[in-house]
Amino acid sequence: MNLDLTPGMLVRNPAHPEWGLGQVQSAVGTRVTVNFENAGKVSMNLAAAHLEAVDDPSKLD
């Protein structure tokens, strides 16, 4: 996982598609907090979580 995450960036977690689209709230080192539409704020370690950037939310399945 080598995304350069910045606040405001849209992401999704393929391991938890039910969480929906998420917006990065903060990213410090390997810690990131993402506000997901169906799971709320989730803080995670990027060494263990795989997030994918979403460039165009209208193209999500």
PDB file of N, CA and C in Angstrom:
ATOM      1  N   MET A   1       0.859  -1.172   0.000  1.00  0.00           N
ATOM      2  CA  MET A   1       0.000   0.000   0.000  1.00  0.00           C
ATOM      3  C   MET A   1       0.890   1.214   0.000  1.00  0.00           C
ATOM      4  N   ASN A   2       1.009   1.882  -1.128  1.00  0.00           N
ATOM      5  CA  ASN A   2       1.864   3.050  -1.231  1.00  0.00           C
ATOM      6  C   ASN A   2       1.110   4.269  -1.738  1.00  0.00           C
ATOM      7  N   LEU A   3      -0.181   4.336  -1.453  1.00  0.00           N
ATOM      8  CA  LEU A   3      -0.939   5.516  -1.832  1.00  0.00           C
ATOM      9  C   LEU A   3      -0.439   6.717  -1.052  1.00  0.00           C
ATOM     10  N   ASP A   4      -0.399   7.856  -1.695  1.00  0.00           N
ATOM     11  CA  ASP A   4      -0.078   9.100  -1.014  1.00  0.00           C
ATOM     12  C   ASP A   4      -1.412   9.718  -0.594  1.00  0.00           C
ATOM     13  N   LEU A   5      -1.894   9.336   0.578  1.00  0.00           N
ATOM     14  CA  LEU A   5      -3.213   9.763   1.039  1.00  0.00           C
ATOM     15  C   LEU A   5      -3.166  11.178   1.603  1.00  0.00           C
ATOM     16  N   THR A   6      -4.156  11.966   1.206  1.00  0.00           N
ATOM     17  CA  THR A   6      -4.278  13.323   1.719  1.00  0.00           C
ATOM     18  C   THR A   6      -5.729  13.557   2.138  1.00  0.00           C
ATOM     19  N   PRO A   7      -5.949  14.422   3.134  1.00  0.00           N
ATOM     20  CA  PRO A   7      -7.319  14.707   3.553  1.00  0.00           C
ATOM     21  C   PRO A   7      -8.186  15.160   2.372  1.00  0.00           C
ATOM     22  N   GLY A   8      -9.394  14.622   2.342  1.00  0.00           N
ATOM     23  CA  GLY A   8     -10.333  14.934   1.264  1.00  0.00           C
ATOM     24  C   GLY A   8     -10.348  13.904   0.147  1.00  0.00           C
ATOM     25  N   MET A   9      -9.299  13.100   0.077  1.00  0.00           N
ATOM     26  CA  MET A   9      -9.204  12.078  -0.966  1.00  0.00           C
ATOM     27  C   MET A   9     -10.288  11.019  -0.774  1.00  0.00           C
ATOM     28  N   LEU A  10     -10.857  10.532  -1.866  1.00  0.00           N
ATOM     29  CA  LEU A  10     -11.871   9.485  -1.814  1.00  0.00           C
ATOM     30  C   LEU A  10     -11.211   8.126  -1.993  1.00  0.00           C
ATOM     31  N   VAL A  11     -11.611   7.176  -1.143  1.00  0.00           N
ATOM     32  CA  VAL A  11     -11.033   5.830  -1.170  1.00  0.00           C
ATOM     33  C   VAL A  11     -12.119   4.794  -0.935  1.00  0.00           C
ATOM     34  N   ARG A  12     -11.754   3.539  -1.155  1.00  0.00           N
ATOM     35  CA  ARG A  12     -12.608   2.424  -0.769  1.00  0.00           C
ATOM     36  C   ARG A  12     -11.713   1.327  -0.239  1.00  0.00           C
ATOM     37  N   ASN A  13     -12.300   0.443   0.550  1.00  0.00           N
ATOM     38  CA  ASN A  13     -11.567  -0.684   1.111  1.00  0.00           C
ATOM     39  C   ASN A  13     -12.136  -1.950   0.479  1.00  0.00           C
ATOM     40  N   PRO A  14     -11.420  -2.567  -0.464  1.00  0.00           N
ATOM     41  CA  PRO A  14     -11.939  -3.754  -1.150  1.00  0.00           C
ATOM     42  C   PRO A  14     -12.259  -4.917  -0.210  1.00  0.00           C
ATOM     43  N   ALA A  15     -11.616  -4.963   0.944  1.00  0.00           N
ATOM     44  CA  ALA A  15     -11.900  -6.026   1.913  1.00  0.00           C
ATOM     45  C   ALA A  15     -13.235  -5.802   2.605  1.00  0.00           C
ATOM     46  N   HIS A  16     -13.760  -4.581   2.533  1.00  0.00           N
ATOM     47  CA  HIS A  16     -15.042  -4.237   3.167  1.00  0.00           C
ATOM     48  C   HIS A  16     -15.880  -3.365   2.228  1.00  0.00           C
ATOM     49  N   PRO A  17     -16.338  -3.925   1.113  1.00  0.00           N
ATOM     50  CA  PRO A  17     -17.115  -3.116   0.163  1.00  0.00           C
ATOM     51  C   PRO A  17     -18.406  -2.567   0.770  1.00  0.00           C
ATOM     52  N   GLU A  18     -18.914  -3.242   1.812  1.00  0.00           N
ATOM     53  CA  GLU A  18     -20.140  -2.772   2.461  1.00  0.00           C
ATOM     54  C   GLU A  18     -19.946  -1.428   3.169  1.00  0.00           C
ATOM     55  N   TRP A  19     -18.704  -1.026   3.420  1.00  0.00           N
ATOM     56  CA  TRP A  19     -18.431   0.269   4.045  1.00  0.00           C
ATOM     57  C   TRP A  19     -18.746   1.418   3.100  1.00  0.00           C
ATOM     58  N   GLY A  20     -18.718   1.164   1.794  1.00  0.00           N
ATOM     59  CA  GLY A  20     -18.999   2.195   0.805  1.00  0.00           C
ATOM     60  C   GLY A  20     -17.810   3.116   0.579  1.00  0.00           C
ATOM     61  N   LEU A  21     -18.089   4.242  -0.001  1.00  0.00           N
ATOM     62  CA  LEU A  21     -17.078   5.238  -0.330  1.00  0.00           C
ATOM     63  C   LEU A  21     -16.612   5.931   0.944  1.00  0.00           C
ATOM     64  N   GLY A  22     -15.319   6.204   1.019  1.00  0.00           N
ATOM     65  CA  GLY A  22     -14.770   6.871   2.187  1.00  0.00           C
ATOM     66  C   GLY A  22     -13.987   8.111   1.804  1.00  0.00           C
ATOM     67  N   GLN A  23     -13.952   9.058   2.726  1.00  0.00           N
ATOM     68  CA  GLN A  23     -13.164  10.272   2.527  1.00  0.00           C
ATOM     69  C   GLN A  23     -12.098  10.327   3.610  1.00  0.00           C
ATOM     70  N   VAL A  24     -10.847  10.480   3.191  1.00  0.00           N
ATOM     71  CA  VAL A  24      -9.738  10.551   4.139  1.00  0.00           C
ATOM     72  C   VAL A  24      -9.901  11.807   4.993  1.00  0.00           C
ATOM     73  N   GLN A  25      -9.859  11.612   6.318  1.00  0.00           N
ATOM     74  CA  GLN A  25      -9.941  12.719   7.259  1.00  0.00           C
ATOM     75  C   GLN A  25      -8.548  13.174   7.690  1.00  0.00           C
ATOM     76  N   SER A  26      -7.663  12.193   7.932  1.00  0.00           N
ATOM     77  CA  SER A  26      -6.282  12.508   8.305  1.00  0.00           C
ATOM     78  C   SER A  26      -5.383  11.348   7.932  1.00  0.00           C
ATOM     79  N   ALA A  27      -4.118  11.656   7.701  1.00  0.00           N
ATOM     80  CA  ALA A  27      -3.125  10.642   7.384  1.00  0.00           C
ATOM     81  C   ALA A  27      -1.796  11.102   7.974  1.00  0.00           C
ATOM     82  N   VAL A  28      -1.315  10.336   8.959  1.00  0.00           N
ATOM     83  CA  VAL A  28      -0.051  10.651   9.622  1.00  0.00           C
ATOM     84  C   VAL A  28       0.774   9.376   9.677  1.00  0.00           C
ATOM     85  N   GLY A  29       1.866   9.361   8.963  1.00  0.00           N
ATOM     86  CA  GLY A  29       2.684   8.157   8.906  1.00  0.00           C
ATOM     87  C   GLY A  29       1.889   7.013   8.300  1.00  0.00           C
ATOM     88  N   THR A  30       1.812   5.905   9.019  1.00  0.00           N
ATOM     89  CA  THR A  30       1.048   4.756   8.526  1.00  0.00           C
ATOM     90  C   THR A  30      -0.369   4.724   9.071  1.00  0.00           C
ATOM     91  N   ARG A  31      -0.771   5.734   9.849  1.00  0.00           N
ATOM     92  CA  ARG A  31      -2.125   5.798  10.405  1.00  0.00           C
ATOM     93  C   ARG A  31      -2.993   6.702   9.545  1.00  0.00           C
ATOM     94  N   VAL A  32      -4.196   6.231   9.255  1.00  0.00           N
ATOM     95  CA  VAL A  32      -5.147   7.025   8.474  1.00  0.00           C
ATOM     96  C   VAL A  32      -6.521   6.893   9.105  1.00  0.00           C
ATOM     97  N   THR A  33      -7.275   7.977   9.076  1.00  0.00           N
ATOM     98  CA  THR A  33      -8.669   7.962   9.516  1.00  0.00           C
ATOM     99  C   THR A  33      -9.522   8.298   8.306  1.00  0.00           C
ATOM    100  N   VAL A  34     -10.489   7.409   8.042  1.00  0.00           N
ATOM    101  CA  VAL A  34     -11.358   7.565   6.878  1.00  0.00           C
ATOM    102  C   VAL A  34     -12.802   7.563   7.355  1.00  0.00           C
ATOM    103  N   ASN A  35     -13.598   8.475   6.836  1.00  0.00           N
ATOM    104  CA  ASN A  35     -15.024   8.517   7.150  1.00  0.00           C
ATOM    105  C   ASN A  35     -15.768   7.819   6.012  1.00  0.00           C
ATOM    106  N   PHE A  36     -16.223   6.580   6.281  1.00  0.00           N
ATOM    107  CA  PHE A  36     -16.937   5.797   5.276  1.00  0.00           C
ATOM    108  C   PHE A  36     -18.437   6.049   5.383  1.00  0.00           C
ATOM    109  N   GLU A  37     -19.118   6.056   4.236  1.00  0.00           N
ATOM    110  CA  GLU A  37     -20.540   6.373   4.220  1.00  0.00           C
ATOM    111  C   GLU A  37     -21.389   5.386   4.999  1.00  0.00           C
ATOM    112  N   ASN A  38     -20.992   4.115   5.094  1.00  0.00           N
ATOM    113  CA  ASN A  38     -21.797   3.120   5.804  1.00  0.00           C
ATOM    114  C   ASN A  38     -21.152   2.572   7.066  1.00  0.00           C
ATOM    115  N   ALA A  39     -19.960   3.038   7.404  1.00  0.00           N
ATOM    116  CA  ALA A  39     -19.269   2.523   8.589  1.00  0.00           C
ATOM    117  C   ALA A  39     -18.807   3.633   9.529  1.00  0.00           C
ATOM    118  N   GLY A  40     -18.961   4.872   9.108  1.00  0.00           N
ATOM    119  CA  GLY A  40     -18.499   5.989   9.937  1.00  0.00           C
ATOM    120  C   GLY A  40     -16.985   6.104   9.894  1.00  0.00           C
ATOM    121  N   LYS A  41     -16.443   6.778  10.912  1.00  0.00           N
ATOM    122  CA  LYS A  41     -14.998   7.001  10.959  1.00  0.00           C
ATOM    123  C   LYS A  41     -14.278   5.729  11.393  1.00  0.00           C
ATOM    124  N   VAL A  42     -13.289   5.358  10.597  1.00  0.00           N
ATOM    125  CA  VAL A  42     -12.483   4.167  10.876  1.00  0.00           C
ATOM    126  C   VAL A  42     -11.019   4.593  10.841  1.00  0.00           C
ATOM    127  N   SER A  43     -10.313   4.303  11.914  1.00  0.00           N
ATOM    128  CA  SER A  43      -8.878   4.567  11.981  1.00  0.00           C
ATOM    129  C   SER A  43      -8.158   3.253  11.731  1.00  0.00           C
ATOM    130  N   MET A  44      -7.157   3.276  10.866  1.00  0.00           N
ATOM    131  CA  MET A  44      -6.480   2.027  10.512  1.00  0.00           C
ATOM    132  C   MET A  44      -4.998   2.241  10.250  1.00  0.00           C
ATOM    133  N   ASN A  45      -4.274   1.146  10.307  1.00  0.00           N
ATOM    134  CA  ASN A  45      -2.855   1.124  10.011  1.00  0.00           C
ATOM    135  C   ASN A  45      -2.699   0.698   8.556  1.00  0.00           C
ATOM    136  N   LEU A  46      -2.053   1.512   7.764  1.00  0.00           N
ATOM    137  CA  LEU A  46      -1.917   1.213   6.342  1.00  0.00           C
ATOM    138  C   LEU A  46      -1.031   0.011   6.064  1.00  0.00           C
ATOM    139  N   ALA A  47      -0.246  -0.405   7.059  1.00  0.00           N
ATOM    140  CA  ALA A  47       0.558  -1.618   6.876  1.00  0.00           C
ATOM    141  C   ALA A  47      -0.339  -2.850   6.824  1.00  0.00           C
ATOM    142  N   ALA A  48      -1.534  -2.759   7.411  1.00  0.00           N
ATOM    143  CA  ALA A  48      -2.447  -3.898   7.459  1.00  0.00           C
ATOM    144  C   ALA A  48      -3.680  -3.717   6.568  1.00  0.00           C
ATOM    145  N   ALA A  49      -3.972  -2.503   6.176  1.00  0.00           N
ATOM    146  CA  ALA A  49      -5.179  -2.225   5.379  1.00  0.00           C
ATOM    147  C   ALA A  49      -4.786  -1.856   3.949  1.00  0.00           C
ATOM    148  N   HIS A  50      -5.583  -2.295   3.011  1.00  0.00           N
ATOM    149  CA  HIS A  50      -5.356  -1.956   1.604  1.00  0.00           C
ATOM    150  C   HIS A  50      -6.496  -1.062   1.144  1.00  0.00           C
ATOM    151  N   LEU A  51      -6.180   0.194   0.879  1.00  0.00           N
ATOM    152  CA  LEU A  51      -7.185   1.129   0.380  1.00  0.00           C
ATOM    153  C   LEU A  51      -6.897   1.429  -1.082  1.00  0.00           C
ATOM    154  N   GLU A  52      -7.961   1.675  -1.825  1.00  0.00           N
ATOM    155  CA  GLU A  52      -7.822   2.041  -3.233  1.00  0.00           C
ATOM    156  C   GLU A  52      -8.387   3.431  -3.433  1.00  0.00           C
ATOM    157  N   ALA A  53      -7.646   4.256  -4.175  1.00  0.00           N
ATOM    158  CA  ALA A  53      -8.114   5.602  -4.491  1.00  0.00           C
ATOM    159  C   ALA A  53      -9.289   5.520  -5.460  1.00  0.00           C
ATOM    160  N   VAL A  54     -10.234   6.417  -5.295  1.00  0.00           N
ATOM    161  CA  VAL A  54     -11.401   6.491  -6.185  1.00  0.00           C
ATOM    162  C   VAL A  54     -11.347   7.842  -6.879  1.00  0.00           C
ATOM    163  N   ASP A  55     -11.074   7.811  -8.189  1.00  0.00           N
ATOM    164  CA  ASP A  55     -10.965   9.051  -8.960  1.00  0.00           C
ATOM    165  C   ASP A  55     -12.335   9.569  -9.385  1.00  0.00           C
ATOM    166  N   ASP A  56     -13.239   8.647  -9.728  1.00  0.00           N
ATOM    167  CA  ASP A  56     -14.569   9.030 -10.211  1.00  0.00           C
ATOM    168  C   ASP A  56     -15.629   8.176  -9.519  1.00  0.00           C
ATOM    169  N   PRO A  57     -16.245   8.704  -8.442  1.00  0.00           N
ATOM    170  CA  PRO A  57     -17.232   7.922  -7.686  1.00  0.00           C
ATOM    171  C   PRO A  57     -18.408   7.456  -8.523  1.00  0.00           C
ATOM    172  N   SER A  58     -18.713   8.116  -9.644  1.00  0.00           N
ATOM    173  CA  SER A  58     -19.849   7.712 -10.480  1.00  0.00           C
ATOM    174  C   SER A  58     -19.587   6.401 -11.199  1.00  0.00           C
ATOM    175  N   LYS A  59     -18.328   5.953 -11.244  1.00  0.00           N
ATOM    176  CA  LYS A  59     -17.990   4.707 -11.930  1.00  0.00           C
ATOM    177  C   LYS A  59     -17.887   3.510 -10.983  1.00  0.00           C
ATOM    178  N   LEU A  60     -18.247   3.692  -9.709  1.00  0.00           N
ATOM    179  CA  LEU A  60     -18.227   2.580  -8.766  1.00  0.00           C
ATOM    180  C   LEU A  60     -19.336   1.599  -9.114  1.00  0.00           C
ATOM    181  N   ASP A  61     -19.070   0.315  -8.904  1.00  0.00           N
ATOM    182  CA  ASP A  61     -20.070  -0.736  -9.189  1.00  0.00           C
ATOM    183  C   ASP A  61     -21.229  -0.643  -8.247  1.00  0.00           C
TER     184      ASP A  61
END
